[in-house]
Amino acid sequence: PRHDRDRLLDAAVDLACEDGPAAV
């Protein structure tokens, strides 16, 4: 799958680090 679970969670990690948990 192009958008597998880990890739989506990696994107979530980046968002949390850059703008905090509320950005996820």
mmCIF file of all heavy atoms, coordinates in Angstrom:
data_MODEL
# 
_entry.id   MODEL 
# 
loop_
_atom_site.group_PDB 
_atom_site.id 
_atom_site.type_symbol 
_atom_site.label_atom_id 
_atom_site.label_alt_id 
_atom_site.label_comp_id 
_atom_site.label_asym_id 
_atom_site.label_entity_id 
_atom_site.label_seq_id 
_atom_site.pdbx_PDB_ins_code 
_atom_site.Cartn_x 
_atom_site.Cartn_y 
_atom_site.Cartn_z 
_atom_site.occupancy 
_atom_site.B_iso_or_equiv 
_atom_site.pdbx_formal_charge 
_atom_site.auth_seq_id 
_atom_site.auth_comp_id 
_atom_site.auth_asym_id 
_atom_site.auth_atom_id 
_atom_site.pdbx_PDB_model_num 
ATOM 1   N N   . PRO A 1 1  ? 0.831  -1.208 0.000  1.00 0.00 ? 1  PRO A N   1 
ATOM 2   C CA  . PRO A 1 1  ? 0.000  0.000  0.000  1.00 0.00 ? 1  PRO A CA  1 
ATOM 3   C C   . PRO A 1 1  ? 0.860  1.251  0.000  1.00 0.00 ? 1  PRO A C   1 
ATOM 4   O O   . PRO A 1 1  ? 1.874  1.321  0.699  1.00 0.00 ? 1  PRO A O   1 
ATOM 5   C CB  . PRO A 1 1  ? -0.815 -0.131 1.287  1.00 0.00 ? 1  PRO A CB  1 
ATOM 6   C CG  . PRO A 1 1  ? -0.058 -1.084 2.141  1.00 0.00 ? 1  PRO A CG  1 
ATOM 7   C CD  . PRO A 1 1  ? 0.624  -2.031 1.202  1.00 0.00 ? 1  PRO A CD  1 
ATOM 8   N N   . ARG A 1 2  ? 0.442  2.220  -0.813 1.00 0.00 ? 2  ARG A N   1 
ATOM 9   C CA  . ARG A 1 2  ? 1.235  3.443  -0.930 1.00 0.00 ? 2  ARG A CA  1 
ATOM 10  C C   . ARG A 1 2  ? 1.245  4.223  0.379  1.00 0.00 ? 2  ARG A C   1 
ATOM 11  O O   . ARG A 1 2  ? 2.250  4.834  0.740  1.00 0.00 ? 2  ARG A O   1 
ATOM 12  C CB  . ARG A 1 2  ? 0.642  4.308  -2.048 1.00 0.00 ? 2  ARG A CB  1 
ATOM 13  C CG  . ARG A 1 2  ? 1.382  5.614  -2.260 1.00 0.00 ? 2  ARG A CG  1 
ATOM 14  C CD  . ARG A 1 2  ? 0.734  6.445  -3.344 1.00 0.00 ? 2  ARG A CD  1 
ATOM 15  N NE  . ARG A 1 2  ? 1.375  7.736  -3.463 1.00 0.00 ? 2  ARG A NE  1 
ATOM 16  C CZ  . ARG A 1 2  ? 0.896  8.741  -4.209 1.00 0.00 ? 2  ARG A CZ  1 
ATOM 17  N NH1 . ARG A 1 2  ? -0.236 8.573  -4.884 1.00 0.00 ? 2  ARG A NH1 1 
ATOM 18  N NH2 . ARG A 1 2  ? 1.529  9.884  -4.266 1.00 0.00 ? 2  ARG A NH2 1 
ATOM 19  N N   . HIS A 1 3  ? 0.113  4.209  1.074  1.00 0.00 ? 3  HIS A N   1 
ATOM 20  C CA  . HIS A 1 3  ? 0.002  4.969  2.314  1.00 0.00 ? 3  HIS A CA  1 
ATOM 21  C C   . HIS A 1 3  ? -0.179 3.986  3.464  1.00 0.00 ? 3  HIS A C   1 
ATOM 22  O O   . HIS A 1 3  ? -1.264 3.847  4.024  1.00 0.00 ? 3  HIS A O   1 
ATOM 23  C CB  . HIS A 1 3  ? -1.162 5.952  2.235  1.00 0.00 ? 3  HIS A CB  1 
ATOM 24  C CG  . HIS A 1 3  ? -1.094 6.861  1.046  1.00 0.00 ? 3  HIS A CG  1 
ATOM 25  N ND1 . HIS A 1 3  ? -0.081 7.782  0.878  1.00 0.00 ? 3  HIS A ND1 1 
ATOM 26  C CD2 . HIS A 1 3  ? -1.895 6.967  -0.050 1.00 0.00 ? 3  HIS A CD2 1 
ATOM 27  C CE1 . HIS A 1 3  ? -0.275 8.439  -0.266 1.00 0.00 ? 3  HIS A CE1 1 
ATOM 28  N NE2 . HIS A 1 3  ? -1.358 7.962  -0.839 1.00 0.00 ? 3  HIS A NE2 1 
ATOM 29  N N   . ASP A 1 4  ? 0.908  3.278  3.784  1.00 0.00 ? 4  ASP A N   1 
ATOM 30  C CA  . ASP A 1 4  ? 0.782  2.274  4.821  1.00 0.00 ? 4  ASP A CA  1 
ATOM 31  C C   . ASP A 1 4  ? 0.780  2.922  6.205  1.00 0.00 ? 4  ASP A C   1 
ATOM 32  O O   . ASP A 1 4  ? 1.008  4.122  6.366  1.00 0.00 ? 4  ASP A O   1 
ATOM 33  C CB  . ASP A 1 4  ? 1.870  1.207  4.701  1.00 0.00 ? 4  ASP A CB  1 
ATOM 34  C CG  . ASP A 1 4  ? 3.274  1.755  4.939  1.00 0.00 ? 4  ASP A CG  1 
ATOM 35  O OD1 . ASP A 1 4  ? 3.416  2.851  5.501  1.00 0.00 ? 4  ASP A OD1 1 
ATOM 36  O OD2 . ASP A 1 4  ? 4.237  1.065  4.559  1.00 0.00 ? 4  ASP A OD2 1 
ATOM 37  N N   . ARG A 1 5  ? 0.514  2.100  7.197  1.00 0.00 ? 5  ARG A N   1 
ATOM 38  C CA  . ARG A 1 5  ? 0.337  2.570  8.571  1.00 0.00 ? 5  ARG A CA  1 
ATOM 39  C C   . ARG A 1 5  ? 1.583  3.299  9.086  1.00 0.00 ? 5  ARG A C   1 
ATOM 40  O O   . ARG A 1 5  ? 1.480  4.379  9.676  1.00 0.00 ? 5  ARG A O   1 
ATOM 41  C CB  . ARG A 1 5  ? 0.000  1.355  9.446  1.00 0.00 ? 5  ARG A CB  1 
ATOM 42  C CG  . ARG A 1 5  ? -0.322 1.663  10.888 1.00 0.00 ? 5  ARG A CG  1 
ATOM 43  C CD  . ARG A 1 5  ? -0.611 0.368  11.638 1.00 0.00 ? 5  ARG A CD  1 
ATOM 44  N NE  . ARG A 1 5  ? -0.909 0.610  13.023 1.00 0.00 ? 5  ARG A NE  1 
ATOM 45  C CZ  . ARG A 1 5  ? -2.112 0.848  13.501 1.00 0.00 ? 5  ARG A CZ  1 
ATOM 46  N NH1 . ARG A 1 5  ? -3.146 0.879  12.669 1.00 0.00 ? 5  ARG A NH1 1 
ATOM 47  N NH2 . ARG A 1 5  ? -2.305 1.048  14.784 1.00 0.00 ? 5  ARG A NH2 1 
ATOM 48  N N   . ASP A 1 6  ? 2.749  2.721  8.868  1.00 0.00 ? 6  ASP A N   1 
ATOM 49  C CA  . ASP A 1 6  ? 3.965  3.332  9.397  1.00 0.00 ? 6  ASP A CA  1 
ATOM 50  C C   . ASP A 1 6  ? 4.262  4.671  8.731  1.00 0.00 ? 6  ASP A C   1 
ATOM 51  O O   . ASP A 1 6  ? 4.736  5.601  9.390  1.00 0.00 ? 6  ASP A O   1 
ATOM 52  C CB  . ASP A 1 6  ? 5.153  2.385  9.233  1.00 0.00 ? 6  ASP A CB  1 
ATOM 53  C CG  . ASP A 1 6  ? 5.214  1.327  10.322 1.00 0.00 ? 6  ASP A CG  1 
ATOM 54  O OD1 . ASP A 1 6  ? 4.756  1.607  11.446 1.00 0.00 ? 6  ASP A OD1 1 
ATOM 55  O OD2 . ASP A 1 6  ? 5.694  0.220  10.051 1.00 0.00 ? 6  ASP A OD2 1 
ATOM 56  N N   . ARG A 1 7  ? 4.019  4.768  7.440  1.00 0.00 ? 7  ARG A N   1 
ATOM 57  C CA  . ARG A 1 7  ? 4.267  6.044  6.770  1.00 0.00 ? 7  ARG A CA  1 
ATOM 58  C C   . ARG A 1 7  ? 3.362  7.135  7.335  1.00 0.00 ? 7  ARG A C   1 
ATOM 59  O O   . ARG A 1 7  ? 3.800  8.272  7.541  1.00 0.00 ? 7  ARG A O   1 
ATOM 60  C CB  . ARG A 1 7  ? 4.040  5.896  5.271  1.00 0.00 ? 7  ARG A CB  1 
ATOM 61  C CG  . ARG A 1 7  ? 4.271  7.209  4.523  1.00 0.00 ? 7  ARG A CG  1 
ATOM 62  C CD  . ARG A 1 7  ? 4.142  7.058  3.028  1.00 0.00 ? 7  ARG A CD  1 
ATOM 63  N NE  . ARG A 1 7  ? 4.245  8.357  2.368  1.00 0.00 ? 7  ARG A NE  1 
ATOM 64  C CZ  . ARG A 1 7  ? 4.142  8.544  1.062  1.00 0.00 ? 7  ARG A CZ  1 
ATOM 65  N NH1 . ARG A 1 7  ? 3.966  7.517  0.270  1.00 0.00 ? 7  ARG A NH1 1 
ATOM 66  N NH2 . ARG A 1 7  ? 4.241  9.746  0.546  1.00 0.00 ? 7  ARG A NH2 1 
ATOM 67  N N   . LEU A 1 8  ? 2.117  6.806  7.588  1.00 0.00 ? 8  LEU A N   1 
ATOM 68  C CA  . LEU A 1 8  ? 1.190  7.784  8.161  1.00 0.00 ? 8  LEU A CA  1 
ATOM 69  C C   . LEU A 1 8  ? 1.620  8.173  9.578  1.00 0.00 ? 8  LEU A C   1 
ATOM 70  O O   . LEU A 1 8  ? 1.565  9.345  9.954  1.00 0.00 ? 8  LEU A O   1 
ATOM 71  C CB  . LEU A 1 8  ? -0.225 7.214  8.163  1.00 0.00 ? 8  LEU A CB  1 
ATOM 72  C CG  . LEU A 1 8  ? -0.841 6.968  6.783  1.00 0.00 ? 8  LEU A CG  1 
ATOM 73  C CD1 . LEU A 1 8  ? -2.182 6.254  6.920  1.00 0.00 ? 8  LEU A CD1 1 
ATOM 74  C CD2 . LEU A 1 8  ? -1.008 8.271  6.005  1.00 0.00 ? 8  LEU A CD2 1 
ATOM 75  N N   . LEU A 1 9  ? 2.069  7.200  10.346 1.00 0.00 ? 9  LEU A N   1 
ATOM 76  C CA  . LEU A 1 9  ? 2.511  7.506  11.708 1.00 0.00 ? 9  LEU A CA  1 
ATOM 77  C C   . LEU A 1 9  ? 3.814  8.304  11.703 1.00 0.00 ? 9  LEU A C   1 
ATOM 78  O O   . LEU A 1 9  ? 4.038  9.148  12.573 1.00 0.00 ? 9  LEU A O   1 
ATOM 79  C CB  . LEU A 1 9  ? 2.659  6.222  12.517 1.00 0.00 ? 9  LEU A CB  1 
ATOM 80  C CG  . LEU A 1 9  ? 1.343  5.513  12.861 1.00 0.00 ? 9  LEU A CG  1 
ATOM 81  C CD1 . LEU A 1 9  ? 1.613  4.224  13.638 1.00 0.00 ? 9  LEU A CD1 1 
ATOM 82  C CD2 . LEU A 1 9  ? 0.418  6.428  13.656 1.00 0.00 ? 9  LEU A CD2 1 
ATOM 83  N N   . ASP A 1 10 ? 4.677  8.044  10.733 1.00 0.00 ? 10 ASP A N   1 
ATOM 84  C CA  . ASP A 1 10 ? 5.888  8.864  10.602 1.00 0.00 ? 10 ASP A CA  1 
ATOM 85  C C   . ASP A 1 10 ? 5.517  10.321 10.358 1.00 0.00 ? 10 ASP A C   1 
ATOM 86  O O   . ASP A 1 10 ? 6.140  11.243 10.918 1.00 0.00 ? 10 ASP A O   1 
ATOM 87  C CB  . ASP A 1 10 ? 6.757  8.352  9.456  1.00 0.00 ? 10 ASP A CB  1 
ATOM 88  C CG  . ASP A 1 10 ? 7.425  7.016  9.758  1.00 0.00 ? 10 ASP A CG  1 
ATOM 89  O OD1 . ASP A 1 10 ? 7.488  6.632  10.943 1.00 0.00 ? 10 ASP A OD1 1 
ATOM 90  O OD2 . ASP A 1 10 ? 7.875  6.353  8.805  1.00 0.00 ? 10 ASP A OD2 1 
ATOM 91  N N   . ALA A 1 11 ? 4.518  10.548 9.519  1.00 0.00 ? 11 ALA A N   1 
ATOM 92  C CA  . ALA A 1 11 ? 4.059  11.918 9.268  1.00 0.00 ? 11 ALA A CA  1 
ATOM 93  C C   . ALA A 1 11 ? 3.493  12.526 10.543 1.00 0.00 ? 11 ALA A C   1 
ATOM 94  O O   . ALA A 1 11 ? 3.709  13.717 10.827 1.00 0.00 ? 11 ALA A O   1 
ATOM 95  C CB  . ALA A 1 11 ? 3.007  11.923 8.163  1.00 0.00 ? 11 ALA A CB  1 
ATOM 96  N N   . ALA A 1 12 ? 2.800  11.724 11.345 1.00 0.00 ? 12 ALA A N   1 
ATOM 97  C CA  . ALA A 1 12 ? 2.244  12.212 12.606 1.00 0.00 ? 12 ALA A CA  1 
ATOM 98  C C   . ALA A 1 12 ? 3.349  12.593 13.588 1.00 0.00 ? 12 ALA A C   1 
ATOM 99  O O   . ALA A 1 12 ? 3.242  13.597 14.307 1.00 0.00 ? 12 ALA A O   1 
ATOM 100 C CB  . ALA A 1 12 ? 1.330  11.158 13.210 1.00 0.00 ? 12 ALA A CB  1 
ATOM 101 N N   . VAL A 1 13 ? 4.412  11.805 13.630 1.00 0.00 ? 13 VAL A N   1 
ATOM 102 C CA  . VAL A 1 13 ? 5.556  12.127 14.486 1.00 0.00 ? 13 VAL A CA  1 
ATOM 103 C C   . VAL A 1 13 ? 6.133  13.486 14.099 1.00 0.00 ? 13 VAL A C   1 
ATOM 104 O O   . VAL A 1 13 ? 6.408  14.338 14.962 1.00 0.00 ? 13 VAL A O   1 
ATOM 105 C CB  . VAL A 1 13 ? 6.640  11.037 14.394 1.00 0.00 ? 13 VAL A CB  1 
ATOM 106 C CG1 . VAL A 1 13 ? 7.942  11.507 15.038 1.00 0.00 ? 13 VAL A CG1 1 
ATOM 107 C CG2 . VAL A 1 13 ? 6.167  9.760  15.052 1.00 0.00 ? 13 VAL A CG2 1 
ATOM 108 N N   . ASP A 1 14 ? 6.310  13.712 12.812 1.00 0.00 ? 14 ASP A N   1 
ATOM 109 C CA  . ASP A 1 14 ? 6.861  14.983 12.345 1.00 0.00 ? 14 ASP A CA  1 
ATOM 110 C C   . ASP A 1 14 ? 5.970  16.154 12.758 1.00 0.00 ? 14 ASP A C   1 
ATOM 111 O O   . ASP A 1 14 ? 6.458  17.199 13.203 1.00 0.00 ? 14 ASP A O   1 
ATOM 112 C CB  . ASP A 1 14 ? 7.029  14.964 10.822 1.00 0.00 ? 14 ASP A CB  1 
ATOM 113 C CG  . ASP A 1 14 ? 8.147  14.027 10.371 1.00 0.00 ? 14 ASP A CG  1 
ATOM 114 O OD1 . ASP A 1 14 ? 8.991  13.671 11.208 1.00 0.00 ? 14 ASP A OD1 1 
ATOM 115 O OD2 . ASP A 1 14 ? 8.155  13.657 9.189  1.00 0.00 ? 14 ASP A OD2 1 
ATOM 116 N N   . LEU A 1 15 ? 4.673  15.987 12.613 1.00 0.00 ? 15 LEU A N   1 
ATOM 117 C CA  . LEU A 1 15 ? 3.748  17.057 12.987 1.00 0.00 ? 15 LEU A CA  1 
ATOM 118 C C   . LEU A 1 15 ? 3.824  17.354 14.484 1.00 0.00 ? 15 LEU A C   1 
ATOM 119 O O   . LEU A 1 15 ? 3.840  18.518 14.896 1.00 0.00 ? 15 LEU A O   1 
ATOM 120 C CB  . LEU A 1 15 ? 2.316  16.656 12.616 1.00 0.00 ? 15 LEU A CB  1 
ATOM 121 C CG  . LEU A 1 15 ? 1.977  16.675 11.128 1.00 0.00 ? 15 LEU A CG  1 
ATOM 122 C CD1 . LEU A 1 15 ? 0.639  15.956 10.892 1.00 0.00 ? 15 LEU A CD1 1 
ATOM 123 C CD2 . LEU A 1 15 ? 1.898  18.109 10.612 1.00 0.00 ? 15 LEU A CD2 1 
ATOM 124 N N   . ALA A 1 16 ? 3.874  16.302 15.292 1.00 0.00 ? 16 ALA A N   1 
ATOM 125 C CA  . ALA A 1 16 ? 3.936  16.489 16.740 1.00 0.00 ? 16 ALA A CA  1 
ATOM 126 C C   . ALA A 1 16 ? 5.209  17.214 17.154 1.00 0.00 ? 16 ALA A C   1 
ATOM 127 O O   . ALA A 1 16 ? 5.190  18.074 18.045 1.00 0.00 ? 16 ALA A O   1 
ATOM 128 C CB  . ALA A 1 16 ? 3.839  15.141 17.446 1.00 0.00 ? 16 ALA A CB  1 
ATOM 129 N N   . CYS A 1 17 ? 6.321  16.871 16.501 1.00 0.00 ? 17 CYS A N   1 
ATOM 130 C CA  . CYS A 1 17 ? 7.598  17.494 16.849 1.00 0.00 ? 17 CYS A CA  1 
ATOM 131 C C   . CYS A 1 17 ? 7.657  18.950 16.399 1.00 0.00 ? 17 CYS A C   1 
ATOM 132 O O   . CYS A 1 17 ? 8.242  19.794 17.075 1.00 0.00 ? 17 CYS A O   1 
ATOM 133 C CB  . CYS A 1 17 ? 8.749  16.711 16.235 1.00 0.00 ? 17 CYS A CB  1 
ATOM 134 S SG  . CYS A 1 17 ? 9.005  15.111 17.001 1.00 0.00 ? 17 CYS A SG  1 
ATOM 135 N N   . GLU A 1 18 ? 7.065  19.243 15.266 1.00 0.00 ? 18 GLU A N   1 
ATOM 136 C CA  . GLU A 1 18 ? 7.162  20.590 14.722 1.00 0.00 ? 18 GLU A CA  1 
ATOM 137 C C   . GLU A 1 18 ? 6.169  21.563 15.368 1.00 0.00 ? 18 GLU A C   1 
ATOM 138 O O   . GLU A 1 18 ? 6.507  22.720 15.632 1.00 0.00 ? 18 GLU A O   1 
ATOM 139 C CB  . GLU A 1 18 ? 6.933  20.552 13.208 1.00 0.00 ? 18 GLU A CB  1 
ATOM 140 C CG  . GLU A 1 18 ? 8.083  19.871 12.461 1.00 0.00 ? 18 GLU A CG  1 
ATOM 141 C CD  . GLU A 1 18 ? 7.705  19.479 11.043 1.00 0.00 ? 18 GLU A CD  1 
ATOM 142 O OE1 . GLU A 1 18 ? 6.590  19.857 10.587 1.00 0.00 ? 18 GLU A OE1 1 
ATOM 143 O OE2 . GLU A 1 18 ? 8.506  18.784 10.393 1.00 0.00 ? 18 GLU A OE2 1 
ATOM 144 N N   . ASP A 1 19 ? 4.952  21.072 15.650 1.00 0.00 ? 19 ASP A N   1 
ATOM 145 C CA  . ASP A 1 19 ? 3.911  21.985 16.119 1.00 0.00 ? 19 ASP A CA  1 
ATOM 146 C C   . ASP A 1 19 ? 3.155  21.493 17.345 1.00 0.00 ? 19 ASP A C   1 
ATOM 147 O O   . ASP A 1 19 ? 2.149  22.095 17.725 1.00 0.00 ? 19 ASP A O   1 
ATOM 148 C CB  . ASP A 1 19 ? 2.909  22.257 14.978 1.00 0.00 ? 19 ASP A CB  1 
ATOM 149 C CG  . ASP A 1 19 ? 3.571  22.938 13.787 1.00 0.00 ? 19 ASP A CG  1 
ATOM 150 O OD1 . ASP A 1 19 ? 4.234  23.967 13.987 1.00 0.00 ? 19 ASP A OD1 1 
ATOM 151 O OD2 . ASP A 1 19 ? 3.447  22.421 12.667 1.00 0.00 ? 19 ASP A OD2 1 
ATOM 152 N N   . GLY A 1 20 ? 3.598  20.415 17.957 1.00 0.00 ? 20 GLY A N   1 
ATOM 153 C CA  . GLY A 1 20 ? 2.952  19.919 19.159 1.00 0.00 ? 20 GLY A CA  1 
ATOM 154 C C   . GLY A 1 20 ? 1.866  18.900 18.865 1.00 0.00 ? 20 GLY A C   1 
ATOM 155 O O   . GLY A 1 20 ? 1.396  18.782 17.733 1.00 0.00 ? 20 GLY A O   1 
ATOM 156 N N   . PRO A 1 21 ? 1.444  18.163 19.893 1.00 0.00 ? 21 PRO A N   1 
ATOM 157 C CA  . PRO A 1 21 ? 0.449  17.108 19.710 1.00 0.00 ? 21 PRO A CA  1 
ATOM 158 C C   . PRO A 1 21 ? -0.866 17.603 19.114 1.00 0.00 ? 21 PRO A C   1 
ATOM 159 O O   . PRO A 1 21 ? -1.532 16.862 18.379 1.00 0.00 ? 21 PRO A O   1 
ATOM 160 C CB  . PRO A 1 21 ? 0.239  16.576 21.133 1.00 0.00 ? 21 PRO A CB  1 
ATOM 161 C CG  . PRO A 1 21 ? 1.525  16.862 21.829 1.00 0.00 ? 21 PRO A CG  1 
ATOM 162 C CD  . PRO A 1 21 ? 1.990  18.170 21.267 1.00 0.00 ? 21 PRO A CD  1 
ATOM 163 N N   . ALA A 1 22 ? -1.264 18.828 19.413 1.00 0.00 ? 22 ALA A N   1 
ATOM 164 C CA  . ALA A 1 22 ? -2.536 19.343 18.892 1.00 0.00 ? 22 ALA A CA  1 
ATOM 165 C C   . ALA A 1 22 ? -2.540 19.428 17.372 1.00 0.00 ? 22 ALA A C   1 
ATOM 166 O O   . ALA A 1 22 ? -3.605 19.474 16.748 1.00 0.00 ? 22 ALA A O   1 
ATOM 167 C CB  . ALA A 1 22 ? -2.829 20.714 19.490 1.00 0.00 ? 22 ALA A CB  1 
ATOM 168 N N   . ALA A 1 23 ? -1.354 19.452 16.762 1.00 0.00 ? 23 ALA A N   1 
ATOM 169 C CA  . ALA A 1 23 ? -1.259 19.547 15.302 1.00 0.00 ? 23 ALA A CA  1 
ATOM 170 C C   . ALA A 1 23 ? -1.539 18.213 14.623 1.00 0.00 ? 23 ALA A C   1 
ATOM 171 O O   . ALA A 1 23 ? -1.702 18.167 13.401 1.00 0.00 ? 23 ALA A O   1 
ATOM 172 C CB  . ALA A 1 23 ? 0.130  20.034 14.905 1.00 0.00 ? 23 ALA A CB  1 
ATOM 173 N N   . VAL A 1 24 ? -1.596 17.131 15.397 1.00 0.00 ? 24 VAL A N   1 
ATOM 174 C CA  . VAL A 1 24 ? -1.795 15.808 14.813 1.00 0.00 ? 24 VAL A CA  1 
ATOM 175 C C   . VAL A 1 24 ? -3.288 15.561 14.641 1.00 0.00 ? 24 VAL A C   1 
ATOM 176 O O   . VAL A 1 24 ? -3.981 15.103 15.563 1.00 0.00 ? 24 VAL A O   1 
ATOM 177 C CB  . VAL A 1 24 ? -1.159 14.705 15.679 1.00 0.00 ? 24 VAL A CB  1 
ATOM 178 C CG1 . VAL A 1 24 ? -1.326 13.340 14.998 1.00 0.00 ? 24 VAL A CG1 1 
ATOM 179 C CG2 . VAL A 1 24 ? 0.311  14.992 15.918 1.00 0.00 ? 24 VAL A CG2 1 
# 
